[in-house]
Structures are given as C-alpha cells and as structure tokens.
Amino acid sequence: MPESKPESESKTYTAAVVIIGNEVLSGRTRDANLQYLGTELNAIGVRLMEVRVVPDIEEMIIDAVNAVRKSYDYVFTTGGIGPTHDDITSATIAKAFGLDHGRHPDAEALLLDHYDPKDVTDARMKMSETPAGAELLFNPISKAPGFRVENVYVMAGIPRIMQAMFEGFRHTLSGGEPMKSRSVAGFIGEGKLGDELGEIQKRHADVEIGSYPFVRDGKYGTSLVARHTDQTAVDAAIDEMRALIVKHGVEPIEEKL
C-alpha cells in the first residue's frame, strides 16, 4: 500500500468514479457502489466531483480514465475485473497507461492458494492479470485482487467485494476537511423560493446550497440543503433558509441527512 500522505486543510482533494459495465447501462444491474463511495470519500475529506458510466468498450474506457486521472487526485473504477470474456478493464487500464499486461506473481500466488488445483482454470487465473508494476488491492472475500496504477484504483463491481477492497486502502488516501451538511424543508413549491434563495446563495458564496422538490402524503414541498467544510457556515445558511420558509407562512421541517 502507498504511504499515507499528511493531511492538508488548505487543499481540496478530489475524485472521480468510472463505473464500467454494459449491465449497468442496460438497466439489468442497479449500481450500488456510487452512494457508498460518495459517502465514504466525503467522510475522509475527498470530494467526489465527477462520475462516468461507460460500456465494456476498450476505447471508451481508455478515454474516460485518461480524462479523469489528469483532472482529479483520485480515480476509482468499478467493474470488469472478473473471469469472463467481457471483463476487459485490467487489460484496458494497461493500455491507458501504455503498460505491459500479464499475470502479477503475487496475485497468481493468491489465487493458486485459494482454489483447489482441480478448480484452477485459465478463466479464473485471468483475475491475476494486472498492468505491469501495479500495486495489488487486497480482496478478503474472494481473494481476486484489485489494483492501483498511479492515482487510479481498480476495483470489483460486486458491492460487497468493492467495499472490502476500499476499506483495505482507505487509510492511505489523503483528505481535507469532510463536508458538513444540514437540511431544512417545508411544504412550499420550489418556484416560490427561487429568487430569494438565490440572494441567500450570494450572501453565502462559499456554501453549496441546493433546492430539491419532493412529494409527501400528496403534498408538494422543497428541501433546502447547505454544504460546507465549516459547520458555522452551514448553520448560518440554514438559519436564513429556515427564516425564508417561515416568511412564506410555512412551518419549517428540520431534516437529518
């Protein structure tokens, strides 16, 4: 594993996720990894800034990975490192970096130790292949590892395996201050708040303010969310948004995120 870097409060650490797989794009598989990664990265002070979903097509994977790895501190890919013919992520990441590709000796040893000799197949051993020089990401569940090349972390698409891989290396990721969030809501249409909400955003320019309409019990309402690394800044924005809801004669609803 790479050595942990010292945290810096002044730097904003950023990340992108590349979700790989025809099954996600077709709707056959509901991606369950994005919410987990977004939540866990925020907890360690890394802001998820971009998500791309690409099919099992070599050129599209290369284009996506090469674009985001130059723009963000971290890139996390999920999917496409299994034993079947359409699991092309490992070989494609090698091409994205211009690296050779083949069996990683440590990954090969892990799989040979895990499987009964009679169950060792070329398809299964395909899961030991990585770009040359890649660092393995431990998989305590099925043993087939993920890997890291520079700032790109390549993980399985199966949620429980992806999460186990991430938990194994999360302590090596540098992060800043985690984002704090609060929300206040009211049964009032979003359009009635728009102009005044824009003025609140101007007064709290560093705070991320979002407006999200909802329907509950057949009634329309709006949730107002404030996000910032400084809890005091979040609270100040929420206080103004609560007052805005009250100004329109609506009872504010305190929400938990």
Protein backbone atom coordinates (compact mmCIF):
# COMPACT_ATOMS: atom_id res chain seq x y z
CA MET A 1 0.00 0.00 0.00
CA PRO A 2 1.19 3.56 -0.63
CA GLU A 3 2.28 5.55 2.38
CA SER A 4 -0.32 7.87 3.90
CA LYS A 5 0.27 11.48 2.94
CA PRO A 6 -0.07 14.22 5.54
CA GLU A 7 -3.47 15.84 5.50
CA SER A 8 -3.75 19.46 4.47
CA GLU A 9 -6.62 21.67 5.46
CA SER A 10 -5.83 24.12 2.66
CA LYS A 11 -6.04 21.62 -0.19
CA THR A 12 -9.28 20.23 -1.55
CA TYR A 13 -8.80 16.60 -2.52
CA THR A 14 -10.94 15.48 -5.42
CA ALA A 15 -12.00 12.21 -7.02
CA ALA A 16 -13.87 10.72 -9.94
CA VAL A 17 -15.59 7.37 -10.31
CA VAL A 18 -15.73 5.41 -13.56
CA ILE A 19 -18.42 2.73 -13.50
CA ILE A 20 -17.70 0.10 -16.15
CA GLY A 21 -20.21 -2.37 -17.49
CA ASN A 22 -22.84 -2.95 -20.14
CA GLU A 23 -25.11 -4.40 -17.45
CA VAL A 24 -25.30 -1.06 -15.65
CA LEU A 25 -26.08 0.90 -18.81
CA SER A 26 -28.74 -1.60 -19.87
CA GLY A 27 -30.52 -1.32 -16.54
CA ARG A 28 -30.10 -5.02 -15.78
CA THR A 29 -27.88 -4.18 -12.83
CA ARG A 30 -28.55 -1.31 -10.43
CA ASP A 31 -25.28 0.30 -9.40
CA ALA A 32 -24.92 0.20 -5.64
CA ASN A 33 -21.34 1.44 -5.43
CA LEU A 34 -21.69 5.13 -6.14
CA GLN A 35 -23.57 6.09 -2.98
CA TYR A 36 -21.11 4.13 -0.86
CA LEU A 37 -18.07 5.76 -2.46
CA GLY A 38 -19.56 9.24 -2.29
CA THR A 39 -20.36 8.85 1.40
CA GLU A 40 -17.07 7.25 2.40
CA LEU A 41 -14.91 9.65 0.40
CA ASN A 42 -16.67 12.63 1.94
CA ALA A 43 -16.03 11.16 5.39
CA ILE A 44 -12.28 11.32 4.78
CA GLY A 45 -12.37 14.74 3.15
CA VAL A 46 -12.23 13.74 -0.53
CA ARG A 47 -14.84 15.39 -2.75
CA LEU A 48 -16.37 13.26 -5.46
CA MET A 49 -16.57 15.63 -8.42
CA GLU A 50 -17.41 13.50 -11.44
CA VAL A 51 -18.95 10.14 -12.33
CA ARG A 52 -18.81 8.44 -15.71
CA VAL A 53 -20.62 5.26 -16.71
CA VAL A 54 -19.08 3.51 -19.70
CA PRO A 55 -19.73 0.22 -21.51
CA ASP A 56 -17.31 -2.66 -21.90
CA ILE A 57 -15.68 -0.98 -24.89
CA GLU A 58 -11.94 -0.53 -24.78
CA GLU A 59 -11.71 2.88 -26.42
CA MET A 60 -14.41 4.38 -24.22
CA ILE A 61 -12.81 3.08 -21.02
CA ILE A 62 -9.42 4.44 -22.07
CA ASP A 63 -10.87 7.84 -22.97
CA ALA A 64 -12.78 8.10 -19.69
CA VAL A 65 -9.92 7.01 -17.44
CA ASN A 66 -7.31 9.16 -19.18
CA ALA A 67 -9.56 12.20 -18.98
CA VAL A 68 -10.36 12.00 -15.28
CA ARG A 69 -7.00 10.81 -13.98
CA LYS A 70 -5.44 14.06 -15.19
CA SER A 71 -8.10 16.20 -13.54
CA TYR A 72 -8.54 14.69 -10.07
CA ASP A 73 -6.41 13.43 -7.21
CA TYR A 74 -8.05 10.01 -7.23
CA VAL A 75 -9.92 7.87 -9.73
CA PHE A 76 -11.88 4.79 -8.68
CA THR A 77 -13.15 2.31 -11.25
CA THR A 78 -15.66 -0.44 -10.54
CA GLY A 79 -16.46 -3.46 -12.66
CA GLY A 80 -14.87 -5.54 -15.36
CA ILE A 81 -12.12 -7.41 -13.49
CA GLY A 82 -13.79 -10.82 -13.30
CA PRO A 83 -13.02 -14.06 -15.17
CA THR A 84 -15.26 -13.74 -18.24
CA HIS A 85 -14.56 -12.62 -21.80
CA ASP A 86 -16.16 -9.20 -21.30
CA ASP A 87 -14.05 -8.40 -18.23
CA ILE A 88 -11.60 -6.19 -20.08
CA THR A 89 -10.88 -3.49 -17.50
CA SER A 90 -7.47 -4.75 -16.42
CA ALA A 91 -6.04 -5.02 -19.93
CA THR A 92 -7.64 -1.72 -20.91
CA ILE A 93 -6.17 0.18 -17.95
CA ALA A 94 -2.75 -1.14 -19.02
CA LYS A 95 -3.31 0.35 -22.47
CA ALA A 96 -4.48 3.64 -20.98
CA PHE A 97 -1.12 3.93 -19.20
CA GLY A 98 0.94 2.42 -22.01
CA LEU A 99 1.99 -0.52 -19.83
CA ASP A 100 2.51 -4.21 -20.48
CA HIS A 101 -0.13 -6.54 -19.10
CA GLY A 102 0.17 -10.00 -17.60
CA ARG A 103 -0.04 -12.15 -14.51
CA HIS A 104 1.02 -10.43 -11.31
CA PRO A 105 3.10 -13.00 -9.39
CA ASP A 106 1.57 -12.14 -6.01
CA ALA A 107 -1.97 -12.23 -7.42
CA GLU A 108 -1.23 -15.54 -9.10
CA ALA A 109 0.02 -16.98 -5.82
CA LEU A 110 -3.11 -15.76 -4.01
CA LEU A 111 -5.44 -17.47 -6.47
CA LEU A 112 -3.44 -20.70 -6.63
CA ASP A 113 -3.56 -20.87 -2.85
CA HIS A 114 -7.29 -20.07 -2.79
CA TYR A 115 -8.53 -22.60 -5.36
CA ASP A 116 -8.35 -26.35 -5.24
CA PRO A 117 -5.91 -27.42 -8.01
CA LYS A 118 -8.73 -29.12 -9.92
CA ASP A 119 -10.65 -25.84 -9.98
CA VAL A 120 -7.82 -23.76 -11.40
CA THR A 121 -8.79 -22.60 -14.89
CA ASP A 122 -7.43 -20.07 -17.34
CA ALA A 123 -10.56 -18.01 -16.81
CA ARG A 124 -10.01 -17.84 -13.06
CA MET A 125 -6.32 -17.11 -13.43
CA LYS A 126 -7.23 -14.22 -15.71
CA MET A 127 -8.10 -12.44 -12.45
CA SER A 128 -4.39 -12.40 -11.56
CA GLU A 129 -3.56 -10.21 -14.56
CA THR A 130 -2.67 -6.56 -13.99
CA PRO A 131 -0.76 -3.79 -15.71
CA ALA A 132 3.00 -4.12 -15.20
CA GLY A 133 4.08 -2.67 -11.88
CA ALA A 134 0.57 -2.37 -10.48
CA GLU A 135 0.05 -2.47 -6.73
CA LEU A 136 -2.50 -5.01 -5.55
CA LEU A 137 -5.62 -4.07 -3.58
CA PHE A 138 -6.44 -6.83 -1.13
CA ASN A 139 -9.73 -8.69 -1.52
CA PRO A 140 -10.57 -10.59 1.70
CA ILE A 141 -13.75 -12.09 0.26
CA SER A 142 -12.93 -13.88 -2.99
CA LYS A 143 -9.16 -13.24 -2.97
CA ALA A 144 -9.04 -11.99 -6.59
CA PRO A 145 -7.39 -8.61 -6.01
CA GLY A 146 -7.98 -5.20 -7.44
CA PHE A 147 -5.01 -3.00 -8.25
CA ARG A 148 -3.68 0.55 -8.33
CA VAL A 149 -1.72 2.30 -11.06
CA GLU A 150 -0.63 5.79 -10.02
CA ASN A 151 -3.85 7.55 -8.89
CA VAL A 152 -6.25 5.03 -10.45
CA TYR A 153 -7.77 2.39 -8.15
CA VAL A 154 -9.38 -0.51 -10.00
CA MET A 155 -11.98 -2.44 -8.02
CA ALA A 156 -14.60 -5.12 -8.48
CA GLY A 157 -18.16 -4.26 -9.39
CA ILE A 158 -19.77 -6.58 -6.82
CA PRO A 159 -20.64 -4.19 -3.99
CA ARG A 160 -19.53 -6.24 -1.00
CA ILE A 161 -16.18 -7.00 -2.67
CA MET A 162 -15.68 -3.41 -3.81
CA GLN A 163 -16.40 -2.17 -0.30
CA ALA A 164 -13.98 -4.66 1.24
CA MET A 165 -11.27 -3.55 -1.19
CA PHE A 166 -11.90 0.11 -0.43
CA GLU A 167 -11.80 -0.45 3.33
CA GLY A 168 -8.40 -2.08 2.88
CA PHE A 169 -6.75 1.02 1.43
CA ARG A 170 -8.86 3.97 2.55
CA HIS A 171 -6.36 4.79 5.31
CA THR A 172 -3.76 5.54 2.62
CA LEU A 173 -5.86 8.28 0.98
CA SER A 174 -5.12 11.89 1.77
CA GLY A 175 -8.07 14.10 2.55
CA GLY A 176 -9.03 17.51 3.76
CA GLU A 177 -11.91 18.59 5.94
CA PRO A 178 -15.07 16.48 5.43
CA MET A 179 -18.10 18.32 4.11
CA LYS A 180 -20.80 19.10 6.69
CA SER A 181 -24.43 19.12 5.61
CA ARG A 182 -27.75 20.27 7.02
CA SER A 183 -31.21 20.43 5.55
CA VAL A 184 -34.45 22.26 6.27
CA ALA A 185 -37.69 21.69 4.38
CA GLY A 186 -41.21 22.98 4.07
CA PHE A 187 -44.42 22.26 2.17
CA ILE A 188 -43.88 25.04 -0.32
CA GLY A 189 -43.18 24.97 -4.04
CA GLU A 190 -39.58 25.38 -5.16
CA GLY A 191 -40.53 28.16 -7.55
CA LYS A 192 -41.77 30.39 -4.74
CA LEU A 193 -38.33 30.31 -3.11
CA GLY A 194 -36.12 30.65 -6.17
CA ASP A 195 -35.30 34.37 -6.28
CA GLU A 196 -34.82 34.79 -2.54
CA LEU A 197 -32.83 31.56 -2.34
CA GLY A 198 -30.52 32.99 -4.98
CA GLU A 199 -29.93 36.02 -2.77
CA ILE A 200 -29.07 33.75 0.16
CA GLN A 201 -26.56 31.94 -2.08
CA LYS A 202 -24.92 35.26 -2.94
CA ARG A 203 -24.57 36.12 0.75
CA HIS A 204 -23.05 32.69 1.44
CA ALA A 205 -20.99 32.30 -1.71
CA ASP A 206 -18.70 29.58 -0.30
CA VAL A 207 -21.57 27.38 0.83
CA GLU A 208 -23.09 24.85 -1.56
CA ILE A 209 -26.83 25.43 -1.45
CA GLY A 210 -29.24 23.05 -3.16
CA SER A 211 -33.00 23.01 -3.62
CA TYR A 212 -34.81 19.67 -4.02
CA PRO A 213 -38.57 19.35 -4.58
CA PHE A 214 -40.47 16.40 -3.10
CA VAL A 215 -43.97 14.98 -2.67
CA ARG A 216 -45.02 13.59 0.73
CA ASP A 217 -48.51 12.46 1.60
CA GLY A 218 -49.73 14.01 -1.62
CA LYS A 219 -48.31 17.44 -0.76
CA TYR A 220 -45.56 19.24 -2.66
CA GLY A 221 -42.60 20.60 -0.75
CA THR A 222 -38.96 21.60 -1.03
CA SER A 223 -35.83 20.55 0.85
CA LEU A 224 -33.07 23.13 1.13
CA VAL A 225 -29.57 21.77 1.74
CA ALA A 226 -26.38 23.57 2.75
CA ARG A 227 -22.90 22.00 2.50
CA HIS A 228 -19.51 23.34 3.59
CA THR A 229 -16.45 22.15 5.48
CA ASP A 230 -17.20 24.76 8.19
CA GLN A 231 -20.19 23.86 10.35
CA THR A 232 -20.65 27.51 11.35
CA ALA A 233 -21.03 28.49 7.70
CA VAL A 234 -23.57 25.70 7.16
CA ASP A 235 -25.58 26.74 10.21
CA ALA A 236 -25.66 30.39 9.14
CA ALA A 237 -27.02 29.49 5.69
CA ILE A 238 -29.60 27.12 7.16
CA ASP A 239 -30.78 29.82 9.56
CA GLU A 240 -31.50 32.13 6.63
CA MET A 241 -33.25 29.39 4.65
CA ARG A 242 -35.40 28.48 7.64
CA ALA A 243 -36.35 32.13 8.01
CA LEU A 244 -37.24 32.24 4.31
CA ILE A 245 -39.64 29.32 4.72
CA VAL A 246 -41.25 30.96 7.74
CA LYS A 247 -41.56 34.24 5.82
CA HIS A 248 -43.85 32.43 3.37
CA GLY A 249 -46.09 31.30 6.22
CA VAL A 250 -44.91 27.69 6.19
CA GLU A 251 -43.75 25.62 9.15
CA PRO A 252 -40.12 24.55 8.62
CA ILE A 253 -39.24 20.87 8.90
CA GLU A 254 -35.83 20.05 10.34
CA GLU A 255 -34.33 17.17 8.39
CA LYS A 256 -31.48 14.76 9.03
CA LEU A 257 -29.12 13.91 6.16
